Amino acid sequence: MNIYSLKNARLTIEKSPFPPVKVTYITEEDEWELVERYSVQVSGYDFDIPEGFRFDLASIPRVVWWLIAPFELSLVAPLVHDFMYEYEGQVPSESVEPDHIFERKEADDIFRELMKLEGVPEWRVILAYNATRWFGGLYWGT
């Protein structure tokens, strides 16, 4: 499947225990858009991400895609992580139960947990998590 022509597709990660994520890829903006509301439970929180939310899947520079590419880190993990980052942890109360304001480290820890649950190889989880901890502060609050 050509990623650049992807429209309204239900994407599934083979080992993922989560339902497929229905997205469209917006080529000109290099973003993914959630086509249907997506709900997931993790770390004692129920996330309900609204249709239309846009995310970049994972902010990995193209120059290192030979080592680790954004689409190798699952779908649910970057979706939930980007959603928390979009709101600097102050996720709208209708989108998380129980209502909670997340610290950046909590958002990063949930990212790591979701990657593990979706079967991402441990070395990729470690690499992605550490990169997020080192550089995520550049995006938190932007």
Protein backbone atom coordinates (compact mmCIF):
# COMPACT_ATOMS: atom_id res chain seq x y z
CA MET A 1 0.00 0.00 0.00
CA ASN A 2 1.36 3.41 -0.95
CA ILE A 3 1.30 5.55 2.20
CA TYR A 4 0.87 8.74 0.15
CA SER A 5 -2.46 7.63 -1.29
CA LEU A 6 -3.89 6.37 1.98
CA LYS A 7 -7.46 7.63 2.50
CA ASN A 8 -9.91 6.65 5.23
CA ALA A 9 -8.10 3.38 5.93
CA ARG A 10 -8.37 1.25 9.05
CA LEU A 11 -4.78 0.57 10.03
CA THR A 12 -3.96 -2.35 12.26
CA ILE A 13 -0.69 -3.34 13.86
CA GLU A 14 -0.40 -7.14 13.73
CA LYS A 15 0.28 -7.77 17.44
CA SER A 16 -1.81 -4.91 18.78
CA PRO A 17 -4.58 -5.72 21.28
CA PHE A 18 -6.29 -2.44 20.30
CA PRO A 19 -8.95 -1.84 17.66
CA PRO A 20 -7.76 -0.49 14.28
CA VAL A 21 -7.28 3.26 13.94
CA LYS A 22 -9.16 4.83 11.01
CA VAL A 23 -7.04 7.61 9.49
CA THR A 24 -6.38 9.62 6.37
CA TYR A 25 -2.93 10.84 5.39
CA ILE A 26 -2.84 14.52 4.41
CA THR A 27 0.11 14.61 2.00
CA GLU A 28 0.48 18.38 1.65
CA GLU A 29 0.61 18.82 5.43
CA ASP A 30 2.50 15.61 6.23
CA GLU A 31 -0.09 14.75 8.88
CA TRP A 32 -2.48 11.96 9.72
CA GLU A 33 -6.10 12.79 10.47
CA LEU A 34 -8.33 10.64 12.62
CA VAL A 35 -11.42 9.82 10.53
CA GLU A 36 -13.42 8.29 13.39
CA ARG A 37 -13.37 8.94 17.13
CA TYR A 38 -10.91 6.58 18.79
CA SER A 39 -11.14 5.24 22.34
CA VAL A 40 -8.47 3.37 24.26
CA GLN A 41 -7.81 2.49 27.89
CA VAL A 42 -4.27 2.64 29.25
CA SER A 43 -2.62 3.26 32.63
CA GLY A 44 -6.02 3.56 34.31
CA TYR A 45 -7.26 6.26 31.91
CA ASP A 46 -9.91 6.07 29.22
CA PHE A 47 -8.92 8.27 26.29
CA ASP A 48 -11.56 9.35 23.79
CA ILE A 49 -9.87 11.16 20.90
CA PRO A 50 -12.24 13.04 18.60
CA GLU A 51 -12.61 12.61 14.88
CA GLY A 52 -10.58 15.19 12.99
CA PHE A 53 -7.59 15.19 15.37
CA ARG A 54 -4.37 15.54 13.37
CA PHE A 55 -1.01 14.10 14.37
CA ASP A 56 2.35 13.40 12.78
CA LEU A 57 2.60 9.74 13.89
CA ALA A 58 6.06 10.30 15.38
CA SER A 59 8.48 13.21 15.04
CA ILE A 60 11.42 11.24 13.73
CA PRO A 61 13.73 13.02 11.29
CA ARG A 62 13.76 11.33 7.87
CA VAL A 63 17.54 11.04 8.02
CA VAL A 64 17.26 8.32 10.71
CA TRP A 65 14.36 6.37 9.18
CA TRP A 66 16.86 3.70 8.15
CA LEU A 67 17.19 2.96 11.89
CA ILE A 68 13.69 3.70 13.14
CA ALA A 69 10.76 5.02 11.13
CA PRO A 70 7.58 6.60 12.54
CA PHE A 71 5.33 3.80 11.29
CA GLU A 72 7.39 1.23 13.21
CA LEU A 73 6.26 2.58 16.59
CA SER A 74 2.62 1.53 16.41
CA LEU A 75 -0.37 3.74 15.71
CA VAL A 76 -2.16 4.03 19.02
CA ALA A 77 0.96 5.10 20.94
CA PRO A 78 1.79 8.18 18.83
CA LEU A 79 -1.92 9.06 18.51
CA VAL A 80 -2.47 9.18 22.28
CA HIS A 81 0.94 10.76 22.91
CA ASP A 82 0.43 13.52 20.34
CA PHE A 83 -3.05 14.15 21.75
CA MET A 84 -1.61 14.72 25.23
CA TYR A 85 1.18 16.91 23.82
CA GLU A 86 -1.30 18.96 21.78
CA TYR A 87 -2.91 20.07 25.05
CA GLU A 88 0.30 20.22 27.10
CA GLY A 89 -1.20 17.53 29.30
CA GLN A 90 -4.42 19.47 29.91
CA VAL A 91 -6.55 17.10 27.86
CA PRO A 92 -10.20 18.24 27.60
CA SER A 93 -12.22 16.59 30.39
CA GLU A 94 -14.57 14.98 27.86
CA SER A 95 -11.55 13.20 26.32
CA VAL A 96 -10.09 11.50 29.39
CA GLU A 97 -11.63 9.64 32.31
CA PRO A 98 -10.86 10.20 35.09
CA ASP A 99 -10.16 13.86 34.46
CA HIS A 100 -6.43 14.46 34.85
CA ILE A 101 -3.72 16.96 33.95
CA PHE A 102 -0.72 14.99 32.67
CA GLU A 103 2.88 15.93 33.25
CA ARG A 104 5.17 15.53 30.23
CA LYS A 105 6.86 12.48 31.77
CA GLU A 106 3.46 10.83 32.31
CA ALA A 107 2.62 11.38 28.62
CA ASP A 108 5.99 9.91 27.62
CA ASP A 109 5.51 6.93 29.96
CA ILE A 110 2.08 6.22 28.44
CA PHE A 111 3.69 6.40 24.98
CA ARG A 112 6.20 3.75 26.10
CA GLU A 113 3.51 1.57 27.65
CA LEU A 114 1.36 1.65 24.52
CA MET A 115 4.32 0.77 22.28
CA LYS A 116 5.05 -2.24 24.47
CA LEU A 117 1.40 -3.33 24.45
CA GLU A 118 1.35 -3.10 20.66
CA GLY A 119 4.37 -5.38 20.37
CA VAL A 120 6.99 -2.86 19.26
CA PRO A 121 10.43 -4.48 19.68
CA GLU A 122 12.07 -3.49 22.97
CA TRP A 123 15.08 -1.80 21.34
CA ARG A 124 12.75 0.47 19.35
CA VAL A 125 10.71 1.24 22.47
CA ILE A 126 13.87 2.23 24.35
CA LEU A 127 15.19 4.34 21.47
CA ALA A 128 11.87 6.11 20.84
CA TYR A 129 11.18 6.68 24.54
CA ASN A 130 14.65 8.13 25.21
CA ALA A 131 14.47 10.37 22.14
CA THR A 132 11.08 11.59 23.32
CA ARG A 133 12.43 12.31 26.79
CA TRP A 134 15.44 14.17 25.36
CA PHE A 135 13.68 16.18 22.65
CA GLY A 136 9.98 16.16 23.55
CA GLY A 137 10.35 19.35 25.54
CA LEU A 138 10.80 21.20 22.25
CA TYR A 139 7.21 20.28 21.31
CA TRP A 140 5.54 20.43 24.73
CA GLY A 141 3.85 23.78 24.76
CA THR A 142 4.27 24.66 21.09
